[in-house]
């Protein structure tokens, strides 16, 4: 019941008239091994500095699905350097698409003008087709400002590579600290590399 009320409130917050499209968002490229998971970042490039809400429906390519936590919820992480006070509501639709709504009932603004807003985890099936394919948004995605004006984006796409060659997983990640520090795919700084994919010097690396 509480979640339904939050969804209704957020939907009302994002109910707007269309404005000039001066803002956009995009996905970072990602790579994953069959049977493994990886994070994909949803980034925002916004000339408008008073944005409060983001809504999108994301369709994954064949062989990939939204990764779920132990409670059956999509694994989504907000980047607090851009989303202070915001909450994310998520749902996996019957089609398998991921529905995202990032908003704040107090109308607080997104921070910054460029970089990742959140990441979501995807799972590659053991039989996922090898090669590069696209994930894309479905219908109209929107960004909303404090004056309830919306900026629509249609057909936002990103690239994801399913590879059986672990050495091929070395894609640049925008918005990460380019230092010798080591991060998990969720953006958590760790003292040493753990088994699996990690981030160092702004690049994805695989530790067996």
N, C-alpha and C. Protein backbone atom coordinates (compact mmCIF):
# COMPACT_ATOMS: atom_id res chain seq x y z
N UNK A 1 0.82 -1.20 0.00
CA UNK A 1 0.00 0.00 0.00
C UNK A 1 0.86 1.26 0.00
N UNK A 2 1.89 1.27 0.86
CA UNK A 2 2.79 2.43 0.92
C UNK A 2 3.49 2.64 -0.41
N UNK A 3 3.97 1.52 -1.00
CA UNK A 3 4.65 1.63 -2.29
C UNK A 3 3.71 2.17 -3.35
N UNK A 4 2.43 1.74 -3.34
CA UNK A 4 1.46 2.21 -4.32
C UNK A 4 1.24 3.71 -4.18
N UNK A 5 1.18 4.19 -2.92
CA UNK A 5 0.99 5.62 -2.70
C UNK A 5 2.20 6.41 -3.18
N UNK A 6 3.41 5.86 -2.94
CA UNK A 6 4.60 6.53 -3.41
C UNK A 6 4.63 6.61 -4.92
N UNK A 7 4.23 5.52 -5.59
CA UNK A 7 4.19 5.51 -7.04
C UNK A 7 3.22 6.55 -7.56
N UNK A 8 2.04 6.65 -6.91
CA UNK A 8 1.05 7.63 -7.33
C UNK A 8 1.58 9.04 -7.14
N UNK A 9 2.20 9.30 -5.98
CA UNK A 9 2.74 10.63 -5.70
C UNK A 9 3.83 11.00 -6.69
N UNK A 10 4.71 10.05 -6.96
CA UNK A 10 5.80 10.32 -7.90
C UNK A 10 5.26 10.56 -9.30
N UNK A 11 4.23 9.79 -9.67
CA UNK A 11 3.63 9.96 -11.00
C UNK A 11 3.02 11.34 -11.13
N UNK A 12 2.37 11.81 -10.06
CA UNK A 12 1.80 13.15 -10.08
C UNK A 12 2.90 14.20 -10.19
N UNK A 13 4.00 13.96 -9.48
CA UNK A 13 5.14 14.88 -9.53
C UNK A 13 5.68 15.00 -10.94
N UNK A 14 5.63 13.88 -11.69
CA UNK A 14 6.22 13.85 -13.03
C UNK A 14 5.19 14.12 -14.13
N UNK A 15 3.95 14.46 -13.77
CA UNK A 15 2.94 14.77 -14.77
C UNK A 15 3.13 16.20 -15.22
N UNK A 16 3.57 16.38 -16.46
CA UNK A 16 4.01 17.71 -16.89
C UNK A 16 3.67 17.96 -18.34
N UNK A 17 3.85 19.21 -18.74
CA UNK A 17 3.77 19.58 -20.14
C UNK A 17 5.15 19.50 -20.75
N UNK A 18 5.21 19.21 -22.05
CA UNK A 18 6.51 19.06 -22.70
C UNK A 18 7.21 20.40 -22.85
N UNK A 19 8.53 20.41 -22.59
CA UNK A 19 9.35 21.60 -22.77
C UNK A 19 10.42 21.32 -23.81
N UNK A 20 11.16 22.36 -24.17
CA UNK A 20 12.23 22.20 -25.15
C UNK A 20 13.24 21.18 -24.65
N UNK A 21 13.66 20.26 -25.52
CA UNK A 21 14.54 19.17 -25.12
C UNK A 21 15.98 19.65 -25.03
N UNK A 22 16.36 20.16 -23.85
CA UNK A 22 17.72 20.66 -23.65
C UNK A 22 18.54 19.73 -22.78
N UNK A 23 17.99 18.59 -22.42
CA UNK A 23 18.65 17.66 -21.52
C UNK A 23 18.51 16.25 -22.07
N UNK A 24 19.41 15.38 -21.64
CA UNK A 24 19.35 14.01 -22.11
C UNK A 24 20.01 13.09 -21.10
N UNK A 25 19.81 11.80 -21.23
CA UNK A 25 20.59 10.85 -20.47
C UNK A 25 21.06 9.74 -21.38
N UNK A 26 21.98 8.93 -20.89
CA UNK A 26 22.60 7.92 -21.72
C UNK A 26 23.11 6.79 -20.83
N UNK A 27 23.42 5.66 -21.44
CA UNK A 27 23.97 4.51 -20.72
C UNK A 27 25.47 4.41 -20.96
N UNK A 28 26.21 3.95 -19.96
CA UNK A 28 27.59 3.58 -20.20
C UNK A 28 27.62 2.21 -20.86
N UNK A 29 28.64 1.97 -21.67
CA UNK A 29 28.83 0.66 -22.26
C UNK A 29 29.25 -0.33 -21.18
N UNK A 30 28.92 -1.59 -21.37
CA UNK A 30 29.24 -2.62 -20.37
C UNK A 30 29.59 -3.92 -21.07
N UNK A 31 30.27 -4.80 -20.35
CA UNK A 31 30.60 -6.13 -20.85
C UNK A 31 30.35 -7.14 -19.75
N UNK A 32 30.00 -8.37 -20.13
CA UNK A 32 29.67 -9.39 -19.14
C UNK A 32 29.97 -10.77 -19.71
N UNK A 33 30.34 -11.69 -18.83
CA UNK A 33 30.54 -13.07 -19.22
C UNK A 33 29.22 -13.83 -19.10
N UNK A 34 28.99 -14.85 -19.94
CA UNK A 34 27.77 -15.66 -19.80
C UNK A 34 27.65 -16.23 -18.39
N UNK A 35 26.47 -16.14 -17.82
CA UNK A 35 26.24 -16.64 -16.48
C UNK A 35 26.62 -15.67 -15.38
N UNK A 36 27.20 -14.51 -15.73
CA UNK A 36 27.65 -13.54 -14.74
C UNK A 36 26.74 -12.31 -14.76
N UNK A 37 27.00 -11.38 -13.83
CA UNK A 37 26.26 -10.13 -13.78
C UNK A 37 27.20 -8.95 -13.98
N UNK A 38 26.63 -7.82 -14.36
CA UNK A 38 27.39 -6.58 -14.47
C UNK A 38 26.47 -5.41 -14.20
N UNK A 39 27.05 -4.28 -13.86
CA UNK A 39 26.28 -3.05 -13.65
C UNK A 39 26.30 -2.18 -14.89
N UNK A 40 25.17 -1.55 -15.15
CA UNK A 40 25.07 -0.56 -16.22
C UNK A 40 24.69 0.77 -15.59
N UNK A 41 25.40 1.81 -15.96
CA UNK A 41 25.12 3.13 -15.40
C UNK A 41 24.17 3.91 -16.30
N UNK A 42 23.21 4.55 -15.67
CA UNK A 42 22.35 5.49 -16.37
C UNK A 42 22.86 6.89 -16.01
N UNK A 43 23.33 7.62 -17.01
CA UNK A 43 23.97 8.92 -16.80
C UNK A 43 23.08 10.03 -17.34
N UNK A 44 23.31 11.23 -16.83
CA UNK A 44 22.52 12.37 -17.25
C UNK A 44 23.44 13.53 -17.64
N UNK A 45 23.13 14.13 -18.77
CA UNK A 45 23.82 15.35 -19.22
C UNK A 45 22.76 16.44 -19.24
N UNK A 46 22.82 17.36 -18.32
CA UNK A 46 21.72 18.30 -18.16
C UNK A 46 22.17 19.76 -18.17
N UNK A 47 21.77 20.46 -19.23
CA UNK A 47 21.97 21.90 -19.27
C UNK A 47 21.06 22.58 -18.25
N UNK A 48 19.88 22.00 -18.04
CA UNK A 48 18.93 22.47 -17.03
C UNK A 48 19.44 22.07 -15.65
N UNK A 49 19.58 23.05 -14.75
CA UNK A 49 20.16 22.79 -13.43
C UNK A 49 19.11 22.57 -12.34
N UNK A 50 17.83 22.58 -12.69
CA UNK A 50 16.81 22.44 -11.66
C UNK A 50 15.94 21.20 -11.88
N UNK A 51 16.57 20.10 -12.32
CA UNK A 51 15.83 18.87 -12.55
C UNK A 51 15.57 18.14 -11.24
N UNK A 52 14.38 17.56 -11.12
CA UNK A 52 13.98 16.89 -9.88
C UNK A 52 13.58 15.43 -10.07
N UNK A 53 13.25 15.02 -11.28
CA UNK A 53 12.64 13.70 -11.48
C UNK A 53 13.11 13.08 -12.79
N UNK A 54 13.29 11.79 -12.79
CA UNK A 54 13.69 11.03 -13.98
C UNK A 54 12.81 9.78 -14.06
N UNK A 55 12.29 9.49 -15.23
CA UNK A 55 11.47 8.30 -15.42
C UNK A 55 11.86 7.61 -16.72
N UNK A 56 12.02 6.29 -16.71
CA UNK A 56 12.40 5.56 -17.92
C UNK A 56 11.97 4.11 -17.82
N UNK A 57 11.72 3.51 -18.97
CA UNK A 57 11.50 2.06 -19.09
C UNK A 57 12.59 1.51 -20.00
N UNK A 58 13.31 0.50 -19.52
CA UNK A 58 14.49 0.01 -20.21
C UNK A 58 14.28 -1.43 -20.67
N UNK A 59 14.55 -1.67 -21.94
CA UNK A 59 14.43 -3.01 -22.53
C UNK A 59 15.81 -3.61 -22.72
N UNK A 60 16.01 -4.81 -22.19
CA UNK A 60 17.30 -5.49 -22.31
C UNK A 60 17.31 -6.39 -23.54
N UNK A 61 18.48 -6.63 -24.12
CA UNK A 61 18.57 -7.51 -25.29
C UNK A 61 18.40 -8.97 -24.90
N UNK A 62 18.27 -9.81 -25.92
CA UNK A 62 18.09 -11.25 -25.72
C UNK A 62 19.23 -11.83 -24.88
N UNK A 63 18.87 -12.69 -23.92
CA UNK A 63 19.87 -13.36 -23.11
C UNK A 63 20.25 -12.61 -21.85
N UNK A 64 19.72 -11.41 -21.67
CA UNK A 64 20.00 -10.63 -20.47
C UNK A 64 18.70 -10.31 -19.74
N UNK A 65 18.78 -10.26 -18.43
CA UNK A 65 17.61 -9.95 -17.61
C UNK A 65 18.03 -9.07 -16.45
N UNK A 66 17.05 -8.47 -15.79
CA UNK A 66 17.32 -7.65 -14.62
C UNK A 66 17.70 -8.55 -13.46
N UNK A 67 18.82 -8.27 -12.81
CA UNK A 67 19.26 -9.05 -11.65
C UNK A 67 18.46 -8.61 -10.42
N UNK A 68 18.06 -9.58 -9.60
CA UNK A 68 17.23 -9.32 -8.43
C UNK A 68 17.97 -9.64 -7.15
N UNK A 69 17.61 -8.95 -6.07
CA UNK A 69 18.21 -9.26 -4.78
C UNK A 69 17.45 -10.40 -4.10
N UNK A 70 17.79 -10.70 -2.85
CA UNK A 70 17.17 -11.82 -2.15
C UNK A 70 15.69 -11.66 -1.92
N UNK A 71 15.17 -10.43 -2.01
CA UNK A 71 13.74 -10.17 -1.82
C UNK A 71 12.99 -10.07 -3.15
N UNK A 72 13.70 -10.32 -4.24
CA UNK A 72 13.06 -10.27 -5.55
C UNK A 72 12.96 -8.88 -6.14
N UNK A 73 13.72 -7.92 -5.60
CA UNK A 73 13.69 -6.55 -6.11
C UNK A 73 14.87 -6.30 -7.05
N UNK A 74 14.68 -5.48 -8.08
CA UNK A 74 15.79 -5.12 -8.96
C UNK A 74 16.93 -4.50 -8.16
N UNK A 75 18.16 -4.84 -8.52
CA UNK A 75 19.33 -4.29 -7.84
C UNK A 75 19.70 -2.97 -8.51
N UNK A 76 19.32 -1.88 -7.87
CA UNK A 76 19.54 -0.53 -8.39
C UNK A 76 20.21 0.30 -7.31
N UNK A 77 21.25 1.04 -7.67
CA UNK A 77 21.99 1.87 -6.72
C UNK A 77 21.98 3.31 -7.18
N UNK A 78 21.46 4.21 -6.34
CA UNK A 78 21.52 5.63 -6.63
C UNK A 78 22.90 6.18 -6.27
N UNK A 79 23.43 7.07 -7.09
CA UNK A 79 24.70 7.72 -6.79
C UNK A 79 24.38 9.01 -6.03
N UNK A 80 24.71 9.03 -4.75
CA UNK A 80 24.26 10.12 -3.88
C UNK A 80 24.92 11.45 -4.18
N UNK A 81 26.03 11.45 -4.92
CA UNK A 81 26.61 12.74 -5.29
C UNK A 81 25.74 13.49 -6.30
N UNK A 82 24.73 12.78 -6.86
CA UNK A 82 23.82 13.42 -7.81
C UNK A 82 22.37 13.37 -7.36
N UNK A 83 22.06 12.53 -6.37
CA UNK A 83 20.66 12.28 -6.02
C UNK A 83 20.40 12.42 -4.52
N UNK A 84 20.93 13.45 -3.91
CA UNK A 84 20.74 13.63 -2.47
C UNK A 84 19.26 13.82 -2.15
N UNK A 85 18.71 12.93 -1.31
CA UNK A 85 17.32 13.03 -0.91
C UNK A 85 16.36 12.30 -1.83
N UNK A 86 16.79 11.86 -3.00
CA UNK A 86 15.92 11.17 -3.93
C UNK A 86 15.74 9.70 -3.54
N UNK A 87 14.65 9.13 -4.01
CA UNK A 87 14.39 7.70 -3.87
C UNK A 87 14.15 7.13 -5.26
N UNK A 88 14.40 5.83 -5.41
CA UNK A 88 14.14 5.17 -6.68
C UNK A 88 13.08 4.10 -6.49
N UNK A 89 12.07 4.12 -7.34
CA UNK A 89 11.04 3.10 -7.37
C UNK A 89 11.27 2.26 -8.62
N UNK A 90 11.25 0.95 -8.48
CA UNK A 90 11.57 0.06 -9.60
C UNK A 90 10.52 -1.03 -9.74
N UNK A 91 10.42 -1.55 -10.95
CA UNK A 91 9.51 -2.66 -11.20
C UNK A 91 9.97 -3.39 -12.45
N UNK A 92 9.95 -4.72 -12.41
CA UNK A 92 10.21 -5.50 -13.61
C UNK A 92 8.85 -5.88 -14.20
N UNK A 93 8.57 -5.40 -15.39
CA UNK A 93 7.28 -5.62 -16.04
C UNK A 93 7.18 -7.04 -16.59
N UNK A 94 6.00 -7.45 -16.97
CA UNK A 94 5.80 -8.79 -17.53
C UNK A 94 6.66 -9.01 -18.76
N UNK A 95 6.95 -7.96 -19.48
CA UNK A 95 7.80 -8.04 -20.67
C UNK A 95 9.26 -8.27 -20.33
N UNK A 96 9.62 -8.10 -19.04
CA UNK A 96 11.02 -8.17 -18.62
C UNK A 96 11.70 -6.82 -18.60
N UNK A 97 11.00 -5.78 -19.06
CA UNK A 97 11.57 -4.44 -19.05
C UNK A 97 11.69 -3.92 -17.61
N UNK A 98 12.69 -3.07 -17.40
CA UNK A 98 12.90 -2.45 -16.10
C UNK A 98 12.30 -1.04 -16.11
N UNK A 99 11.39 -0.79 -15.18
CA UNK A 99 10.78 0.53 -15.03
C UNK A 99 11.45 1.25 -13.86
N UNK A 100 11.92 2.47 -14.11
CA UNK A 100 12.62 3.26 -13.10
C UNK A 100 11.94 4.61 -12.92
N UNK A 101 11.81 5.02 -11.66
CA UNK A 101 11.31 6.35 -11.36
C UNK A 101 12.14 6.91 -10.21
N UNK A 102 12.91 7.96 -10.48
CA UNK A 102 13.75 8.60 -9.47
C UNK A 102 13.15 9.96 -9.17
N UNK A 103 12.74 10.18 -7.92
CA UNK A 103 12.09 11.44 -7.57
C UNK A 103 12.27 11.73 -6.10
N UNK A 104 11.85 12.92 -5.71
CA UNK A 104 11.93 13.34 -4.31
C UNK A 104 10.65 14.10 -3.99
N UNK A 105 9.93 13.67 -2.96
CA UNK A 105 8.63 14.29 -2.67
C UNK A 105 8.79 15.73 -2.21
N UNK A 106 10.00 16.12 -1.78
CA UNK A 106 10.24 17.50 -1.38
C UNK A 106 10.76 18.36 -2.53
N UNK A 107 10.89 17.74 -3.70
CA UNK A 107 11.30 18.50 -4.87
C UNK A 107 12.75 18.90 -4.91
N UNK A 108 13.62 18.18 -4.19
CA UNK A 108 15.04 18.51 -4.22
C UNK A 108 15.63 18.22 -5.59
N UNK A 109 16.67 18.95 -5.94
CA UNK A 109 17.22 18.90 -7.29
C UNK A 109 18.32 17.86 -7.42
N UNK A 110 18.47 17.34 -8.65
CA UNK A 110 19.66 16.56 -8.96
C UNK A 110 20.87 17.49 -8.90
N UNK A 111 22.01 16.94 -8.51
CA UNK A 111 23.25 17.72 -8.44
C UNK A 111 24.08 17.52 -9.70
N UNK A 112 24.86 18.53 -10.05
CA UNK A 112 25.79 18.39 -11.16
C UNK A 112 25.14 18.53 -12.51
N UNK A 113 25.97 18.50 -13.53
CA UNK A 113 25.51 18.66 -14.91
C UNK A 113 25.90 17.51 -15.82
N UNK A 114 26.71 16.58 -15.34
CA UNK A 114 27.18 15.47 -16.17
C UNK A 114 27.58 14.30 -15.30
N UNK A 115 27.25 13.09 -15.72
CA UNK A 115 27.71 11.91 -15.02
C UNK A 115 26.60 10.97 -14.60
N UNK A 116 26.97 9.84 -14.00
CA UNK A 116 25.99 8.80 -13.66
C UNK A 116 25.06 9.21 -12.54
N UNK A 117 23.80 8.80 -12.67
CA UNK A 117 22.77 9.04 -11.65
C UNK A 117 22.53 7.77 -10.85
N UNK A 118 22.56 6.64 -11.53
CA UNK A 118 22.32 5.36 -10.87
C UNK A 118 22.95 4.24 -11.68
N UNK A 119 23.01 3.07 -11.08
CA UNK A 119 23.41 1.87 -11.81
C UNK A 119 22.40 0.77 -11.53
N UNK A 120 22.21 -0.10 -12.49
CA UNK A 120 21.33 -1.27 -12.29
C UNK A 120 22.08 -2.50 -12.76
N UNK A 121 21.82 -3.61 -12.08
CA UNK A 121 22.57 -4.83 -12.36
C UNK A 121 21.77 -5.73 -13.31
N UNK A 122 22.48 -6.31 -14.29
CA UNK A 122 21.85 -7.23 -15.23
C UNK A 122 22.55 -8.59 -15.17
N UNK A 123 21.81 -9.61 -15.51
CA UNK A 123 22.29 -10.99 -15.48
C UNK A 123 22.32 -11.54 -16.90
N UNK A 124 23.47 -12.12 -17.28
CA UNK A 124 23.57 -12.77 -18.59
C UNK A 124 23.30 -14.26 -18.41
N UNK A 125 22.43 -14.80 -19.23
CA UNK A 125 22.14 -16.24 -19.18
C UNK A 125 23.37 -17.03 -19.64
N UNK A 126 23.46 -18.27 -19.20
CA UNK A 126 24.57 -19.12 -19.64
C UNK A 126 24.59 -19.25 -21.15
N UNK A 127 23.40 -19.22 -21.77
CA UNK A 127 23.31 -19.37 -23.22
C UNK A 127 23.12 -18.03 -23.94
N UNK A 128 23.45 -16.92 -23.27
CA UNK A 128 23.30 -15.61 -23.90
C UNK A 128 24.14 -15.53 -25.17
N UNK A 129 23.60 -14.98 -26.25
CA UNK A 129 24.36 -14.88 -27.50
C UNK A 129 25.64 -14.06 -27.32
N UNK A 130 26.76 -14.59 -27.80
CA UNK A 130 28.02 -13.88 -27.72
C UNK A 130 28.02 -12.74 -28.74
N UNK A 131 28.48 -11.58 -28.32
CA UNK A 131 28.55 -10.44 -29.21
C UNK A 131 27.95 -9.21 -28.58
N UNK A 132 28.01 -8.10 -29.32
CA UNK A 132 27.51 -6.83 -28.80
C UNK A 132 26.07 -6.62 -29.23
N UNK A 133 25.27 -6.15 -28.31
CA UNK A 133 23.88 -5.82 -28.62
C UNK A 133 23.51 -4.55 -27.88
N UNK A 134 22.29 -4.10 -28.10
CA UNK A 134 21.87 -2.82 -27.53
C UNK A 134 20.77 -2.99 -26.50
N UNK A 135 20.86 -2.22 -25.43
CA UNK A 135 19.70 -2.02 -24.58
C UNK A 135 19.13 -0.66 -24.94
N UNK A 136 17.84 -0.47 -24.73
CA UNK A 136 17.23 0.78 -25.16
C UNK A 136 16.02 1.12 -24.31
N UNK A 137 15.69 2.40 -24.31
CA UNK A 137 14.50 2.83 -23.60
C UNK A 137 13.28 2.58 -24.47
N UNK A 138 12.14 2.37 -23.81
CA UNK A 138 10.88 2.11 -24.50
C UNK A 138 9.98 3.32 -24.32
N UNK A 139 9.38 3.79 -25.40
CA UNK A 139 8.49 4.94 -25.31
C UNK A 139 9.24 6.21 -24.96
N UNK A 140 8.53 7.15 -24.33
CA UNK A 140 9.11 8.44 -23.97
C UNK A 140 9.66 8.39 -22.55
N UNK A 141 10.95 8.65 -22.42
CA UNK A 141 11.56 8.83 -21.10
C UNK A 141 11.56 10.32 -20.82
N UNK A 142 11.54 10.68 -19.54
CA UNK A 142 11.46 12.10 -19.27
C UNK A 142 12.29 12.53 -18.07
N UNK A 143 12.72 13.77 -18.13
CA UNK A 143 13.37 14.48 -17.04
C UNK A 143 12.48 15.68 -16.73
N UNK A 144 12.25 15.93 -15.45
CA UNK A 144 11.33 16.98 -15.05
C UNK A 144 12.04 18.00 -14.18
N UNK A 145 11.76 19.30 -14.40
CA UNK A 145 12.41 20.32 -13.58
C UNK A 145 11.47 20.81 -12.48
N UNK A 146 11.98 21.73 -11.68
CA UNK A 146 11.25 22.20 -10.50
C UNK A 146 9.98 22.94 -10.86
N UNK A 147 9.87 23.42 -12.11
CA UNK A 147 8.67 24.12 -12.56
C UNK A 147 7.71 23.19 -13.28
N UNK A 148 7.94 21.88 -13.14
CA UNK A 148 7.07 20.85 -13.73
C UNK A 148 7.07 20.89 -15.25
N UNK A 149 8.20 21.27 -15.84
CA UNK A 149 8.38 21.17 -17.29
C UNK A 149 9.18 19.91 -17.58
N UNK A 150 8.79 19.20 -18.63
CA UNK A 150 9.43 17.92 -18.93
C UNK A 150 10.29 18.01 -20.18
N UNK A 151 11.38 17.25 -20.14
CA UNK A 151 12.28 17.11 -21.29
C UNK A 151 12.24 15.65 -21.71
N UNK A 152 11.72 15.38 -22.90
CA UNK A 152 11.51 14.01 -23.34
C UNK A 152 12.67 13.50 -24.18
N UNK A 153 12.98 12.22 -23.98
CA UNK A 153 13.96 11.54 -24.80
C UNK A 153 13.33 10.26 -25.33
N UNK A 154 13.55 9.97 -26.59
CA UNK A 154 12.98 8.78 -27.21
C UNK A 154 14.12 7.95 -27.81
N UNK A 155 14.10 6.64 -27.56
CA UNK A 155 15.07 5.76 -28.19
C UNK A 155 16.49 5.92 -27.69
N UNK A 156 16.67 6.12 -26.38
CA UNK A 156 18.02 6.17 -25.82
C UNK A 156 18.60 4.76 -25.81
N UNK A 157 19.81 4.58 -26.35
CA UNK A 157 20.40 3.25 -26.45
C UNK A 157 21.77 3.18 -25.78
N UNK A 158 22.17 1.97 -25.45
CA UNK A 158 23.50 1.70 -24.91
C UNK A 158 24.00 0.36 -25.43
N UNK A 159 25.29 0.12 -25.33
CA UNK A 159 25.89 -1.11 -25.83
C UNK A 159 26.30 -2.03 -24.68
N UNK A 160 26.01 -3.32 -24.84
CA UNK A 160 26.47 -4.30 -23.87
C UNK A 160 27.06 -5.48 -24.63
N UNK A 161 28.25 -5.88 -24.23
CA UNK A 161 28.97 -6.96 -24.90
C UNK A 161 28.93 -8.21 -24.04
N UNK A 162 28.39 -9.29 -24.59
CA UNK A 162 28.49 -10.60 -23.95
C UNK A 162 29.69 -11.29 -24.57
N UNK A 163 30.68 -11.61 -23.75
CA UNK A 163 31.92 -12.16 -24.27
C UNK A 163 32.36 -13.38 -23.47
N UNK A 164 32.96 -14.36 -24.15
CA UNK A 164 33.53 -15.51 -23.45
C UNK A 164 35.03 -15.32 -23.24
N UNK A 165 35.52 -14.12 -23.55
CA UNK A 165 36.93 -13.78 -23.37
C UNK A 165 37.05 -12.77 -22.24
N UNK A 166 37.49 -13.22 -21.07
CA UNK A 166 37.55 -12.34 -19.90
C UNK A 166 38.49 -11.16 -20.12
N UNK A 167 39.49 -11.33 -20.98
CA UNK A 167 40.45 -10.23 -21.21
C UNK A 167 39.81 -9.10 -22.00
N UNK A 168 38.63 -9.38 -22.60
CA UNK A 168 37.95 -8.34 -23.39
C UNK A 168 37.13 -7.40 -22.54
N UNK A 169 37.02 -7.68 -21.24
CA UNK A 169 36.22 -6.82 -20.37
C UNK A 169 37.12 -5.72 -19.84
N UNK A 170 37.12 -4.59 -20.55
CA UNK A 170 38.02 -3.50 -20.19
C UNK A 170 37.47 -2.18 -20.71
N UNK A 171 36.16 -1.94 -20.45
CA UNK A 171 35.51 -0.74 -20.98
C UNK A 171 35.67 0.44 -20.04
N UNK A 172 35.80 1.63 -20.62
CA UNK A 172 35.88 2.84 -19.81
C UNK A 172 34.57 3.07 -19.08
N UNK A 173 34.67 3.57 -17.86
CA UNK A 173 33.50 3.97 -17.09
C UNK A 173 33.57 5.45 -16.83
N UNK A 174 32.62 6.21 -17.36
CA UNK A 174 32.59 7.64 -17.12
C UNK A 174 32.13 7.91 -15.69
N UNK A 175 32.64 8.97 -15.11
CA UNK A 175 32.19 9.40 -13.81
C UNK A 175 32.88 8.74 -12.64
N UNK A 176 33.80 7.79 -12.86
CA UNK A 176 34.50 7.14 -11.76
C UNK A 176 35.81 7.87 -11.49
N UNK A 177 36.29 7.77 -10.26
CA UNK A 177 37.53 8.41 -9.85
C UNK A 177 38.70 7.71 -10.53
N UNK A 178 39.41 8.44 -11.37
CA UNK A 178 40.52 7.85 -12.11
C UNK A 178 41.78 7.87 -11.24
N UNK A 179 41.89 6.96 -10.31
CA UNK A 179 43.04 6.84 -9.42
C UNK A 179 43.35 5.37 -9.25
N UNK A 180 44.30 5.06 -8.37
CA UNK A 180 44.63 3.66 -8.13
C UNK A 180 43.65 2.99 -7.19
N UNK A 181 42.68 3.74 -6.69
CA UNK A 181 41.68 3.15 -5.79
C UNK A 181 40.88 2.09 -6.52
N UNK A 182 40.41 1.10 -5.78
CA UNK A 182 39.64 -0.02 -6.34
C UNK A 182 38.20 0.09 -5.89
N UNK A 183 37.27 -0.08 -6.84
CA UNK A 183 35.85 0.02 -6.54
C UNK A 183 35.13 -1.24 -7.03
N UNK A 184 34.04 -1.59 -6.34
CA UNK A 184 33.14 -2.62 -6.85
C UNK A 184 32.29 -1.99 -7.94
N UNK A 185 31.51 -2.83 -8.66
CA UNK A 185 30.64 -2.30 -9.70
C UNK A 185 29.52 -1.44 -9.12
N UNK A 186 29.26 -1.57 -7.82
CA UNK A 186 28.24 -0.74 -7.17
C UNK A 186 28.82 0.60 -6.71
N UNK A 187 30.12 0.83 -6.98
CA UNK A 187 30.74 2.10 -6.60
C UNK A 187 31.34 2.11 -5.21
N UNK A 188 31.40 0.95 -4.54
CA UNK A 188 31.95 0.87 -3.19
C UNK A 188 33.48 0.75 -3.26
N UNK A 189 34.17 1.60 -2.52
CA UNK A 189 35.63 1.53 -2.50
C UNK A 189 36.09 0.40 -1.59
N UNK A 190 37.03 -0.42 -2.08
CA UNK A 190 37.52 -1.55 -1.31
C UNK A 190 39.04 -1.49 -1.25
N UNK A 191 39.62 -2.22 -0.27
CA UNK A 191 41.06 -2.16 -0.07
C UNK A 191 41.83 -3.01 -1.08
N UNK A 192 41.19 -4.06 -1.60
CA UNK A 192 41.85 -4.90 -2.60
C UNK A 192 40.80 -5.50 -3.53
N UNK A 193 41.26 -5.94 -4.69
CA UNK A 193 40.35 -6.49 -5.68
C UNK A 193 39.75 -7.80 -5.19
N UNK A 194 38.45 -7.92 -5.36
CA UNK A 194 37.75 -9.16 -5.03
C UNK A 194 37.58 -9.99 -6.30
N UNK A 195 37.24 -11.26 -6.11
CA UNK A 195 37.02 -12.13 -7.26
C UNK A 195 35.86 -11.59 -8.08
N UNK A 196 36.06 -11.48 -9.37
CA UNK A 196 35.03 -10.96 -10.26
C UNK A 196 35.49 -9.67 -10.91
N UNK A 197 34.54 -8.87 -11.36
CA UNK A 197 34.84 -7.63 -12.07
C UNK A 197 34.93 -6.49 -11.07
N UNK A 198 35.97 -5.65 -11.19
CA UNK A 198 36.12 -4.48 -10.34
C UNK A 198 36.54 -3.30 -11.21
N UNK A 199 36.63 -2.12 -10.60
CA UNK A 199 36.96 -0.90 -11.33
C UNK A 199 38.22 -0.29 -10.74
N UNK A 200 39.18 0.00 -11.62
CA UNK A 200 40.41 0.67 -11.18
C UNK A 200 40.89 1.56 -12.31
N UNK A 201 41.32 2.77 -11.98
CA UNK A 201 41.75 3.73 -12.99
C UNK A 201 40.67 3.98 -14.03
N UNK A 202 39.40 3.94 -13.57
CA UNK A 202 38.29 4.23 -14.46
C UNK A 202 37.97 3.14 -15.45
N UNK A 203 38.56 1.93 -15.28
CA UNK A 203 38.33 0.82 -16.21
C UNK A 203 37.85 -0.42 -15.48
N UNK A 204 37.07 -1.24 -16.18
CA UNK A 204 36.64 -2.51 -15.65
C UNK A 204 37.77 -3.54 -15.82
N UNK A 205 38.00 -4.31 -14.78
CA UNK A 205 39.00 -5.38 -14.84
C UNK A 205 38.40 -6.63 -14.21
N UNK A 206 38.94 -7.77 -14.57
CA UNK A 206 38.45 -9.06 -14.06
C UNK A 206 39.53 -9.70 -13.20
N UNK A 207 39.15 -10.06 -11.96
CA UNK A 207 40.06 -10.75 -11.04
C UNK A 207 39.52 -12.15 -10.83
N UNK A 208 40.30 -13.18 -11.19
CA UNK A 208 39.85 -14.57 -11.06
C UNK A 208 40.19 -15.11 -9.69
